[in-house]
N, C-alpha and C. Protein backbone atom coordinates (compact mmCIF):
# COMPACT_ATOMS: atom_id res chain seq x y z
N MET A 1 -74.78 325.17 83.58
CA MET A 1 -76.01 325.52 82.42
C MET A 1 -77.01 325.42 83.36
N VAL A 2 -78.11 326.41 82.71
CA VAL A 2 -79.69 326.24 83.37
C VAL A 2 -80.22 325.27 82.00
N ARG A 3 -80.86 324.46 82.68
CA ARG A 3 -81.85 323.64 81.96
C ARG A 3 -83.28 324.13 81.54
N PRO A 4 -84.00 324.57 80.56
CA PRO A 4 -84.84 324.98 80.73
C PRO A 4 -86.27 323.95 81.37
N VAL A 5 -86.91 324.56 81.93
CA VAL A 5 -87.90 323.63 82.63
C VAL A 5 -89.50 323.62 82.01
N VAL A 6 -89.96 322.72 81.56
CA VAL A 6 -90.81 322.79 80.65
C VAL A 6 -91.95 321.89 81.43
N PRO A 7 -93.50 322.62 81.25
CA PRO A 7 -94.38 321.55 82.62
C PRO A 7 -94.73 320.43 82.03
N PRO A 8 -94.75 319.43 83.25
CA PRO A 8 -95.48 318.19 82.60
C PRO A 8 -96.10 318.15 81.94
N HIS A 9 -97.45 318.45 82.41
CA HIS A 9 -98.76 318.87 81.52
C HIS A 9 -98.72 319.44 79.77
N ALA A 10 -97.89 320.07 79.60
CA ALA A 10 -97.12 320.82 78.31
C ALA A 10 -96.69 319.67 77.52
N ARG A 11 -95.79 318.71 78.47
CA ARG A 11 -94.94 317.79 77.19
C ARG A 11 -96.21 316.54 76.92
N LEU A 12 -97.25 316.56 77.57
CA LEU A 12 -98.16 315.20 77.95
C LEU A 12 -99.30 316.22 76.87
N ARG A 13 -99.66 317.29 76.70
CA ARG A 13 -100.41 317.79 75.69
C ARG A 13 -100.14 318.04 74.59
N ASP A 14 -98.65 318.55 74.32
CA ASP A 14 -98.38 319.03 72.82
C ASP A 14 -97.46 317.63 72.74
N PHE A 15 -96.96 317.15 73.28
CA PHE A 15 -95.58 316.25 73.12
C PHE A 15 -94.97 316.66 72.70
N VAL A 16 -94.28 317.81 73.24
CA VAL A 16 -93.20 318.48 73.45
C VAL A 16 -91.84 317.69 73.44
N GLU A 17 -90.88 317.75 72.72
CA GLU A 17 -89.68 317.43 73.12
C GLU A 17 -88.72 318.19 72.59
N GLY A 18 -89.16 319.25 72.16
CA GLY A 18 -87.73 320.00 72.13
C GLY A 18 -88.13 321.73 71.28
N ALA A 19 -86.91 321.91 71.47
CA ALA A 19 -86.91 323.64 70.56
C ALA A 19 -85.70 323.82 70.13
N ALA A 20 -85.70 325.07 69.01
CA ALA A 20 -84.48 325.10 68.39
C ALA A 20 -84.20 327.14 68.67
N VAL A 21 -83.29 327.52 68.77
CA VAL A 21 -82.75 328.95 69.12
C VAL A 21 -81.90 329.37 68.35
N GLU A 22 -81.96 330.29 67.91
CA GLU A 22 -80.78 331.11 67.31
C GLU A 22 -80.07 332.26 68.10
N VAL A 23 -79.12 332.14 68.53
CA VAL A 23 -78.59 333.15 69.16
C VAL A 23 -77.55 333.75 68.93
N GLU A 24 -77.67 335.08 69.10
CA GLU A 24 -76.65 336.37 68.67
C GLU A 24 -75.77 336.58 70.49
N ILE A 25 -74.48 336.17 70.45
CA ILE A 25 -73.73 336.05 71.48
C ILE A 25 -72.59 337.40 71.36
N ASP A 26 -72.98 338.03 72.44
CA ASP A 26 -72.30 339.48 72.19
C ASP A 26 -70.54 338.97 72.74
N LYS A 27 -69.73 340.30 72.66
CA LYS A 27 -68.44 340.48 72.81
C LYS A 27 -67.86 339.41 74.42
N ALA A 28 -68.69 340.01 75.14
CA ALA A 28 -68.45 339.43 76.70
C ALA A 28 -68.80 337.74 76.96
N GLY A 29 -69.65 337.36 75.75
CA GLY A 29 -70.19 336.04 75.72
C GLY A 29 -71.07 335.59 76.20
N MET A 30 -72.22 336.68 76.33
CA MET A 30 -73.93 337.13 76.79
C MET A 30 -74.64 337.09 75.92
N PRO A 31 -76.12 336.43 75.93
CA PRO A 31 -76.75 336.11 74.67
C PRO A 31 -77.13 337.95 74.29
N SER A 32 -77.16 338.65 73.55
CA SER A 32 -77.58 339.73 73.10
C SER A 32 -79.42 339.73 72.44
N SER A 33 -79.51 338.61 71.80
CA SER A 33 -80.95 338.23 71.32
C SER A 33 -81.07 336.66 70.51
N ILE A 34 -82.34 336.39 71.22
CA ILE A 34 -82.60 335.12 70.86
C ILE A 34 -83.86 334.75 70.13
N LYS A 35 -83.67 334.22 69.34
CA LYS A 35 -84.91 333.89 68.07
C LYS A 35 -85.15 332.48 68.23
N VAL A 36 -86.59 332.33 68.46
CA VAL A 36 -87.22 330.82 68.16
C VAL A 36 -87.57 330.54 66.75
N LEU A 37 -86.78 329.46 66.50
CA LEU A 37 -86.94 328.65 65.26
C LEU A 37 -87.55 327.98 65.02
N LYS A 38 -87.90 327.15 66.18
CA LYS A 38 -88.76 325.69 66.30
C LYS A 38 -89.11 325.54 67.38
N GLY A 39 -90.27 324.80 67.45
CA GLY A 39 -90.88 324.31 69.39
C GLY A 39 -91.97 324.90 69.34
N ALA A 40 -93.00 323.94 70.34
CA ALA A 40 -93.97 324.51 70.82
C ALA A 40 -94.00 325.59 71.28
N PRO A 41 -94.98 326.74 71.82
CA PRO A 41 -95.00 328.21 72.40
C PRO A 41 -94.13 327.84 73.90
N VAL A 42 -94.86 326.67 74.74
CA VAL A 42 -94.75 326.84 75.74
C VAL A 42 -93.24 326.04 76.12
N ALA A 43 -92.51 324.96 74.98
CA ALA A 43 -91.34 324.58 75.22
C ALA A 43 -90.27 326.01 74.63
N ALA A 44 -90.54 326.63 73.76
CA ALA A 44 -89.55 327.62 72.90
C ALA A 44 -89.70 328.48 74.35
N ASN A 45 -90.78 329.11 74.81
CA ASN A 45 -90.73 330.41 76.09
C ASN A 45 -89.61 330.05 77.05
N ALA A 46 -89.39 328.25 77.28
CA ALA A 46 -88.64 327.52 78.56
C ALA A 46 -87.18 327.83 78.16
N VAL A 47 -86.96 327.46 76.77
CA VAL A 47 -86.08 327.58 76.22
C VAL A 47 -85.27 328.99 76.04
N VAL A 48 -85.77 329.68 76.02
CA VAL A 48 -85.41 331.05 75.95
C VAL A 48 -85.16 331.64 77.68
N ALA A 49 -86.17 331.21 78.47
CA ALA A 49 -86.04 331.53 79.68
C ALA A 49 -84.27 331.34 80.33
N ALA A 50 -84.11 330.03 80.09
CA ALA A 50 -82.87 328.96 80.22
C ALA A 50 -81.59 329.85 79.45
N VAL A 51 -81.87 329.89 78.39
CA VAL A 51 -80.43 330.84 77.43
C VAL A 51 -80.01 332.37 77.83
N LYS A 52 -81.13 332.64 78.37
CA LYS A 52 -80.83 334.07 78.77
C LYS A 52 -80.09 333.96 80.17
N GLN A 53 -79.96 332.96 80.43
CA GLN A 53 -79.01 332.89 81.52
C GLN A 53 -77.49 332.39 81.65
N TRP A 54 -77.52 331.70 80.18
CA TRP A 54 -76.12 331.04 79.55
C TRP A 54 -75.09 331.96 79.34
N ARG A 55 -73.94 331.64 79.44
CA ARG A 55 -72.74 332.64 79.24
C ARG A 55 -71.92 331.55 78.08
N TRP A 56 -70.87 332.28 77.48
CA TRP A 56 -70.28 331.31 76.71
C TRP A 56 -68.73 332.48 76.70
N LYS A 57 -68.03 331.61 76.46
CA LYS A 57 -66.83 331.90 76.56
C LYS A 57 -66.54 332.81 75.20
N PRO A 58 -66.18 334.39 75.41
CA PRO A 58 -65.95 335.32 73.99
C PRO A 58 -64.99 334.79 73.10
N LEU A 59 -65.80 334.54 71.71
CA LEU A 59 -65.23 334.48 70.79
C LEU A 59 -64.34 335.61 70.03
N LYS A 60 -62.98 334.77 69.90
CA LYS A 60 -61.79 336.11 69.40
C LYS A 60 -61.43 335.68 68.19
N LEU A 61 -61.00 336.80 67.53
CA LEU A 61 -60.82 336.82 66.18
C LEU A 61 -59.34 337.46 66.25
N ASN A 62 -58.39 337.03 65.78
CA ASN A 62 -56.92 338.10 66.08
C ASN A 62 -56.85 338.23 67.09
N GLY A 63 -57.19 337.71 68.29
CA GLY A 63 -57.08 338.46 69.88
C GLY A 63 -58.15 339.01 69.89
N VAL A 64 -58.84 339.69 69.12
CA VAL A 64 -60.13 340.40 69.70
C VAL A 64 -61.20 339.97 69.38
N ALA A 65 -62.08 340.35 70.99
CA ALA A 65 -63.56 339.48 71.02
C ALA A 65 -64.44 340.02 69.72
N VAL A 66 -65.04 339.53 69.46
CA VAL A 66 -65.88 339.59 68.35
C VAL A 66 -67.55 338.69 68.82
N GLU A 67 -68.91 339.51 68.32
CA GLU A 67 -69.81 339.05 68.10
C GLU A 67 -70.13 337.49 67.56
N ALA A 68 -71.03 337.01 67.76
CA ALA A 68 -71.04 335.42 67.00
C ALA A 68 -72.49 335.28 67.09
N VAL A 69 -72.99 334.08 66.29
CA VAL A 69 -74.49 333.76 66.38
C VAL A 69 -74.05 332.53 65.93
N THR A 70 -74.97 331.84 66.77
CA THR A 70 -75.44 330.14 66.76
C THR A 70 -76.87 329.74 67.01
N THR A 71 -76.77 328.16 66.45
CA THR A 71 -78.12 327.83 66.50
C THR A 71 -78.02 326.70 67.48
N ILE A 72 -78.96 326.62 68.32
CA ILE A 72 -79.09 325.52 69.50
C ILE A 72 -80.05 324.82 69.41
N SER A 73 -80.27 323.46 69.57
CA SER A 73 -81.24 322.59 69.67
C SER A 73 -81.42 322.34 71.05
N VAL A 74 -82.45 322.14 71.54
CA VAL A 74 -82.35 321.47 72.89
C VAL A 74 -83.46 320.67 72.77
N ASN A 75 -83.45 319.59 73.48
CA ASN A 75 -84.19 318.31 73.46
C ASN A 75 -84.69 317.92 74.83
N PHE A 76 -85.62 317.57 75.25
CA PHE A 76 -86.49 317.50 76.41
C PHE A 76 -86.22 315.93 76.89
N GLU A 77 -86.20 315.51 78.23
CA GLU A 77 -86.65 314.16 78.32
C GLU A 77 -88.09 313.83 78.98
N VAL A 78 -88.59 313.22 78.12
CA VAL A 78 -90.25 312.59 78.88
C VAL A 78 -89.85 311.94 79.81
N ARG A 79 -90.23 311.91 81.00
CA ARG A 79 -90.53 311.34 81.99
C ARG A 79 -91.94 310.53 82.17
């Protein structure tokens, strides 16, 4: 899993702690749409860039792969 990279100055300046996104996952388990629900723009951009690279096990209904929608909250460690 690719982790979001938020610039250190952004965490300090904006007190960035995380973001929330809604992800539509296609039948192959790849993100087809990512919508930012919450978070500072610099954090949201980092989360979207990372989530674009994530892959899920395809969701199946009665043995047939289907599209799915999920909400993901990503918290950052402040160092």
